[in-house]
Amino acid sequence: MKNDNGIQRRSLMLGAGLSAFAAPAVLTGLSSGAARAQESEAMPVSDGPKSESFSLGNFKILVVEDGSRVMDNPGETFGTGQDPETVSALLEKNFLPADRMVNGFAPVLVDTGDATILFDTGMGAAGRSWGAGRLVEGLRANGYQPEDIDVVVITHMHGDHIMGLMEDGAPTYPNARYVFGDKEYAFWSDEARMGTPAEGGHESVKKLITPLAEKATFINGGDSVAPGIEAMEAFGHTPGHLIFMLESNGEQLVLTADTANHYVLSLQRPDWHVRFDMDPEAAAKSRRAVFDMIAAERLPFIGYHMPFPSVGYVEKSGDGYVFMPKTYQFRL
């Protein structure tokens, strides 16, 4: 089925011409000096872990806030290359401060009835010094033990999505099998990353992903994780960034991962470059394709960095989109 823009939902092949070495150091690995510096300057803003649960058809959805933090100077991350006054004006127009922002991290659990599937694993122990790494605590508060997780799916291999895979050198989810993007793993595991800005991410993947590879399935766009859960390619943020279409009993929802990372700066200005996007032009193309589809088909989505509980809709507005958080739609 195609949306109004002629985009084939089941095969969003958006990754041509990736500039792999444009990766920012801040999210690419545990050993990144830039990541440590940013974390040390960040202020935790919640005790957490917050959680939100609702039903999608026969699926049970649980969103957990792994943590959140205050970051300075949003324009240094979003709208890079734009005039700072332009970025500030857009934030102020939307009743947001121009000098600081809150960034949250929201892994998602999908209980299909046949399998308990976790999408991304948060910051793990590496984030606990500033209030993150709360995913397991949030799962337990909602009746799920780490041993209950059947499948762990990684949307992409930036640190804030994979650091929670291991705890004290052992798998956090001991009974799970794993689902990784084939293109994503091929990029990060390649020794060619050594000596490049992606070196930190390469080292993290060797430490956290490679030991699990024997229990993993490697997928591409169009592949199914489980009945009703299908991968879609939305490249640019990373070389193999995947999103997922959920469908149960006629209801649908998209897990957009890091396709858009700020509900104003990334959605109202989807063509603006983002420092964390490894190929900013490909990422912008993916943003437009994905959110054109979501807007045209009036689909709900969960974005990993959207304001908690990270669930909402978008409406086309001018050259971009307006984010509308969920309220009571899933309770009726």
Protein backbone atom coordinates (compact mmCIF):
# COMPACT_ATOMS: atom_id res chain seq x y z
CA MET A 1 0.00 0.00 0.00
CA LYS A 2 1.28 3.47 -0.84
CA ASN A 3 0.62 6.72 0.90
CA ASP A 4 -0.28 9.97 -0.85
CA ASN A 5 3.37 10.60 -1.66
CA GLY A 6 3.87 7.29 -3.45
CA ILE A 7 6.13 5.90 -0.75
CA GLN A 8 6.05 2.15 -0.43
CA ARG A 9 5.50 1.55 3.27
CA ARG A 10 6.96 -1.93 3.30
CA SER A 11 10.23 -0.98 1.60
CA LEU A 12 11.45 2.45 2.58
CA MET A 13 14.81 2.11 0.87
CA LEU A 14 16.28 5.42 1.91
CA GLY A 15 19.93 4.78 2.54
CA ALA A 16 21.74 5.61 -0.69
CA GLY A 17 24.89 7.64 -0.49
CA LEU A 18 25.48 7.46 3.26
CA SER A 19 28.41 9.45 4.55
CA ALA A 20 29.39 7.01 7.26
CA PHE A 21 32.18 9.07 8.74
CA ALA A 22 29.96 12.01 9.63
CA ALA A 23 29.07 10.24 12.91
CA PRO A 24 29.18 12.40 16.03
CA ALA A 25 31.36 10.97 18.76
CA VAL A 26 28.82 11.71 21.48
CA LEU A 27 26.55 8.72 20.79
CA THR A 28 28.90 6.31 19.09
CA GLY A 29 30.52 4.55 21.98
CA LEU A 30 31.23 3.96 25.63
CA SER A 31 34.76 5.28 25.30
CA SER A 32 33.80 8.56 23.67
CA GLY A 33 35.32 11.54 25.44
CA ALA A 34 32.61 13.74 24.03
CA ALA A 35 29.94 11.48 25.49
CA ARG A 36 31.53 11.59 28.92
CA ALA A 37 31.83 15.35 28.78
CA GLN A 38 28.21 15.80 27.77
CA GLU A 39 27.01 13.39 30.43
CA SER A 40 29.04 15.16 33.12
CA GLU A 41 27.46 18.48 32.21
CA ALA A 42 23.93 17.05 32.02
CA MET A 43 21.45 17.42 34.85
CA PRO A 44 19.01 14.62 35.65
CA VAL A 45 15.45 15.92 35.65
CA SER A 46 13.44 13.00 37.01
CA ASP A 47 13.79 10.25 39.57
CA GLY A 48 11.93 7.85 37.26
CA PRO A 49 11.28 5.42 36.04
CA LYS A 50 8.07 6.69 34.50
CA SER A 51 6.05 4.24 32.45
CA GLU A 52 2.98 4.21 30.23
CA SER A 53 1.01 1.17 29.12
CA PHE A 54 -1.82 0.76 26.65
CA SER A 55 -3.26 -1.75 24.20
CA LEU A 56 -2.86 -1.87 20.43
CA GLY A 57 -5.32 -4.46 19.19
CA ASN A 58 -4.26 -7.63 21.00
CA PHE A 59 -0.78 -6.30 21.78
CA LYS A 60 0.13 -4.78 25.12
CA ILE A 61 2.52 -1.84 24.79
CA LEU A 62 4.72 -0.57 27.61
CA VAL A 63 6.90 2.52 27.30
CA VAL A 64 9.52 3.04 30.03
CA GLU A 65 11.50 6.21 30.56
CA ASP A 66 15.04 4.90 31.00
CA GLY A 67 16.03 8.41 32.06
CA SER A 68 16.06 12.04 31.00
CA ARG A 69 18.47 14.93 31.25
CA VAL A 70 18.82 18.61 30.62
CA MET A 71 21.06 19.60 27.72
CA ASP A 72 22.38 23.07 27.02
CA ASN A 73 22.24 24.95 23.71
CA PRO A 74 19.69 23.00 21.61
CA GLY A 75 20.90 24.78 18.47
CA GLU A 76 24.27 23.08 18.74
CA THR A 77 22.52 19.75 18.17
CA PHE A 78 19.41 20.58 16.12
CA GLY A 79 19.50 22.96 13.19
CA THR A 80 23.25 22.80 12.84
CA GLY A 81 24.27 25.29 10.18
CA GLN A 82 21.21 27.44 10.85
CA ASP A 83 21.50 30.92 12.24
CA PRO A 84 21.29 30.59 16.07
CA GLU A 85 18.63 33.29 16.21
CA THR A 86 16.47 31.28 13.81
CA VAL A 87 16.64 28.20 16.04
CA SER A 88 15.96 30.26 19.16
CA ALA A 89 12.97 31.96 17.55
CA LEU A 90 11.37 28.62 16.65
CA LEU A 91 11.82 27.32 20.20
CA GLU A 92 10.39 30.48 21.73
CA LYS A 93 7.43 30.42 19.33
CA ASN A 94 6.65 26.97 20.73
CA PHE A 95 6.91 28.16 24.37
CA LEU A 96 10.29 26.50 24.89
CA PRO A 97 13.48 28.02 26.30
CA ALA A 98 16.14 28.77 23.73
CA ASP A 99 19.13 27.84 25.86
CA ARG A 100 18.19 24.43 27.32
CA MET A 101 16.18 21.33 26.48
CA VAL A 102 15.17 18.01 28.02
CA ASN A 103 16.19 14.82 26.25
CA GLY A 104 14.55 11.54 27.28
CA PHE A 105 15.14 7.88 26.42
CA ALA A 106 12.15 5.59 25.94
CA PRO A 107 12.58 1.86 25.23
CA VAL A 108 9.39 -0.01 24.33
CA LEU A 109 8.13 -3.45 25.33
CA VAL A 110 5.58 -5.19 23.12
CA ASP A 111 3.77 -8.18 24.62
CA THR A 112 2.08 -9.95 21.71
CA GLY A 113 0.62 -12.72 23.88
CA ASP A 114 3.01 -15.20 22.27
CA ALA A 115 6.26 -13.31 22.85
CA THR A 116 7.56 -10.46 25.00
CA ILE A 117 9.68 -8.24 22.77
CA LEU A 118 11.86 -5.35 23.95
CA PHE A 119 12.92 -2.62 21.54
CA ASP A 120 16.22 -1.02 22.62
CA THR A 121 17.80 -1.21 26.05
CA GLY A 122 18.60 2.30 27.24
CA MET A 123 21.75 3.56 28.88
CA GLY A 124 22.37 0.72 31.33
CA ALA A 125 24.92 1.11 34.10
CA ALA A 126 26.78 3.79 32.13
CA GLY A 127 23.87 6.20 32.64
CA ARG A 128 23.19 5.65 36.32
CA SER A 129 25.53 8.37 37.53
CA TRP A 130 23.13 10.97 36.09
CA GLY A 131 19.80 9.21 36.65
CA ALA A 132 19.35 6.96 33.61
CA GLY A 133 19.68 3.19 33.27
CA ARG A 134 16.24 2.64 34.83
CA LEU A 135 14.73 0.33 32.22
CA VAL A 136 14.95 -2.92 34.20
CA GLU A 137 13.51 -1.18 37.24
CA GLY A 138 10.64 0.10 35.11
CA LEU A 139 9.98 -3.33 33.63
CA ARG A 140 9.86 -4.90 37.07
CA ALA A 141 7.46 -2.23 38.30
CA ASN A 142 5.13 -3.36 35.52
CA GLY A 143 5.40 -7.08 36.24
CA TYR A 144 8.17 -8.07 33.82
CA GLN A 145 11.46 -9.61 34.95
CA PRO A 146 14.56 -9.57 32.72
CA GLU A 147 14.17 -13.34 32.39
CA ASP A 148 10.72 -12.82 30.85
CA ILE A 149 12.03 -11.06 27.75
CA ASP A 150 11.91 -13.40 24.74
CA VAL A 151 13.35 -11.08 22.08
CA VAL A 152 15.50 -7.95 22.22
CA VAL A 153 15.39 -5.82 19.07
CA ILE A 154 17.97 -3.09 18.49
CA THR A 155 16.80 -0.32 16.16
CA HIS A 156 20.36 0.96 15.70
CA MET A 157 23.66 0.75 17.54
CA HIS A 158 24.18 4.15 19.14
CA GLY A 159 25.16 3.89 22.78
CA ASP A 160 21.87 5.06 24.29
CA HIS A 161 20.14 2.11 22.62
CA ILE A 162 22.63 -0.70 23.35
CA MET A 163 24.35 0.09 26.66
CA GLY A 164 21.67 -1.79 28.58
CA LEU A 165 22.35 -5.08 26.78
CA MET A 166 24.92 -6.14 29.38
CA GLU A 167 25.00 -5.88 33.16
CA ASP A 168 28.19 -6.75 35.07
CA GLY A 169 29.59 -8.47 31.97
CA ALA A 170 26.58 -10.76 31.44
CA PRO A 171 23.50 -10.39 29.27
CA THR A 172 20.83 -8.36 31.05
CA TYR A 173 18.10 -10.45 29.41
CA PRO A 174 19.47 -13.98 29.81
CA ASN A 175 16.71 -15.90 28.02
CA ALA A 176 16.33 -13.60 25.04
CA ARG A 177 17.28 -14.02 21.45
CA TYR A 178 18.35 -10.89 19.60
CA VAL A 179 17.39 -9.09 16.43
CA PHE A 180 19.93 -6.73 14.84
CA GLY A 181 19.94 -4.85 11.57
CA ASP A 182 22.19 -6.57 9.07
CA LYS A 183 23.52 -3.35 7.50
CA GLU A 184 23.88 -1.70 10.91
CA TYR A 185 25.96 -4.51 12.35
CA ALA A 186 28.08 -4.81 9.22
CA PHE A 187 29.01 -1.13 9.50
CA TRP A 188 29.80 -0.95 13.21
CA SER A 189 31.60 -4.29 13.46
CA ASP A 190 33.92 -3.53 10.53
CA GLU A 191 37.54 -2.95 11.60
CA ALA A 192 37.61 -0.14 9.02
CA ARG A 193 35.92 2.01 11.69
CA MET A 194 39.21 2.11 13.63
CA GLY A 195 40.89 5.48 13.34
CA THR A 196 37.64 7.21 12.30
CA PRO A 197 35.01 9.17 14.28
CA ALA A 198 33.06 5.89 14.48
CA GLU A 199 35.83 4.11 16.40
CA GLY A 200 34.09 4.51 19.78
CA GLY A 201 30.91 2.96 18.43
CA HIS A 202 32.91 0.13 16.89
CA GLU A 203 34.46 -0.66 20.27
CA SER A 204 31.05 -0.56 21.97
CA VAL A 205 29.56 -2.94 19.42
CA LYS A 206 32.46 -5.36 19.88
CA LYS A 207 31.85 -5.28 23.63
CA LEU A 208 28.04 -5.35 23.72
CA ILE A 209 26.73 -6.73 20.42
CA THR A 210 29.31 -9.16 19.07
CA PRO A 211 29.14 -11.50 22.11
CA LEU A 212 25.41 -11.90 21.41
CA ALA A 213 25.72 -12.48 17.66
CA GLU A 214 25.42 -16.26 17.91
CA LYS A 215 21.94 -15.82 19.42
CA ALA A 216 20.94 -13.14 16.92
CA THR A 217 18.90 -12.89 13.77
CA PHE A 218 20.08 -10.23 11.30
CA ILE A 219 17.31 -8.49 9.41
CA ASN A 220 16.64 -5.92 6.71
CA GLY A 221 13.64 -3.82 5.76
CA GLY A 222 10.57 -5.93 5.05
CA ASP A 223 11.60 -8.70 7.44
CA SER A 224 9.33 -9.72 10.31
CA VAL A 225 10.38 -9.86 13.94
CA ALA A 226 7.15 -11.63 14.88
CA PRO A 227 3.66 -11.81 13.40
CA GLY A 228 2.44 -8.22 13.14
CA ILE A 229 5.87 -6.62 13.62
CA GLU A 230 7.75 -5.66 10.46
CA ALA A 231 11.03 -3.79 9.95
CA MET A 232 11.31 -0.75 7.68
CA GLU A 233 14.50 0.94 6.57
CA ALA A 234 14.93 4.61 7.50
CA PHE A 235 18.64 5.20 7.01
CA GLY A 236 20.63 8.35 7.69
CA HIS A 237 20.70 8.67 11.45
CA THR A 238 22.94 5.62 11.19
CA PRO A 239 23.80 3.48 8.15
CA GLY A 240 21.31 0.75 9.06
CA HIS A 241 18.71 2.57 11.19
CA LEU A 242 15.47 0.54 11.34
CA ILE A 243 11.95 1.45 12.36
CA PHE A 244 9.07 -0.96 12.95
CA MET A 245 5.42 -1.19 11.95
CA LEU A 246 3.21 -2.84 14.57
CA GLU A 247 -0.18 -4.20 13.52
CA SER A 248 -2.69 -6.10 15.63
CA ASN A 249 -6.39 -6.67 15.10
CA GLY A 250 -6.54 -3.90 12.51
CA GLU A 251 -4.72 -1.30 14.61
CA GLN A 252 -1.29 0.06 13.69
CA LEU A 253 1.54 1.99 15.32
CA VAL A 254 5.07 2.87 14.16
CA LEU A 255 8.17 2.70 16.34
CA THR A 256 10.20 5.51 14.74
CA ALA A 257 13.31 5.14 16.96
CA ASP A 258 15.59 8.14 16.19
CA THR A 259 14.06 9.21 12.88
CA ALA A 260 13.15 12.47 14.66
CA ASN A 261 14.75 13.39 17.97
CA HIS A 262 12.99 16.63 18.96
CA TYR A 263 9.26 17.20 18.75
CA VAL A 264 9.69 20.78 17.50
CA LEU A 265 13.12 21.16 15.93
CA SER A 266 13.09 17.80 14.10
CA LEU A 267 9.42 17.73 13.13
CA GLN A 268 8.55 21.33 12.34
CA ARG A 269 11.85 21.65 10.44
CA PRO A 270 12.51 18.12 9.12
CA ASP A 271 15.21 19.29 6.69
CA TRP A 272 17.36 20.88 9.38
CA HIS A 273 20.54 18.93 10.06
CA VAL A 274 21.08 17.16 13.36
CA ARG A 275 24.52 16.67 14.86
CA PHE A 276 23.75 13.07 15.83
CA ASP A 277 22.74 12.10 12.28
CA MET A 278 25.61 10.36 10.53
CA ASP A 279 24.35 11.34 7.09
CA PRO A 280 22.20 14.46 7.64
CA GLU A 281 20.79 14.59 4.12
CA ALA A 282 19.75 10.92 4.14
CA ALA A 283 18.31 11.38 7.64
CA ALA A 284 16.22 14.34 6.47
CA LYS A 285 14.97 12.31 3.52
CA SER A 286 13.98 9.50 5.90
CA ARG A 287 12.22 11.93 8.23
CA ARG A 288 10.08 13.25 5.41
CA ALA A 289 9.26 9.79 4.05
CA VAL A 290 8.37 8.33 7.43
CA PHE A 291 6.37 11.25 8.76
CA ASP A 292 4.61 11.88 5.46
CA MET A 293 3.38 8.29 5.77
CA ILE A 294 2.42 8.67 9.43
CA ALA A 295 0.58 11.94 8.76
CA ALA A 296 -1.20 10.71 5.62
CA GLU A 297 -2.38 7.48 7.26
CA ARG A 298 -3.09 9.12 10.65
CA LEU A 299 -0.95 6.56 12.45
CA PRO A 300 0.24 6.83 16.03
CA PHE A 301 3.97 6.52 16.62
CA ILE A 302 6.44 6.16 19.46
CA GLY A 303 9.67 8.15 19.12
CA TYR A 304 12.57 7.22 21.36
CA HIS A 305 13.30 10.86 22.25
CA MET A 306 9.80 12.35 22.05
CA PRO A 307 8.37 13.93 25.23
CA PHE A 308 7.38 11.14 27.58
CA PRO A 309 5.30 8.98 27.20
CA SER A 310 6.75 9.41 23.69
CA VAL A 311 3.50 8.48 21.94
CA GLY A 312 1.64 10.75 19.56
CA TYR A 313 0.56 11.72 16.08
CA VAL A 314 1.73 14.28 13.54
CA GLU A 315 -0.22 16.60 11.29
CA LYS A 316 1.24 18.20 8.20
CA SER A 317 1.80 21.92 8.67
CA GLY A 318 3.56 24.02 6.05
CA ASP A 319 6.91 22.40 5.25
CA GLY A 320 6.89 20.25 8.36
CA TYR A 321 4.74 18.54 10.95
CA VAL A 322 3.10 19.38 14.26
CA PHE A 323 3.38 16.81 17.06
CA MET A 324 0.20 15.93 18.93
CA PRO A 325 0.74 13.83 22.08
CA LYS A 326 -1.65 11.02 22.82
CA THR A 327 -4.34 11.62 25.40
CA TYR A 328 -7.20 9.12 25.86
CA GLN A 329 -7.31 7.53 22.38
CA PHE A 330 -6.02 4.15 23.55
CA ARG A 331 -8.38 3.97 26.54
CA LEU A 332 -11.60 3.91 24.52
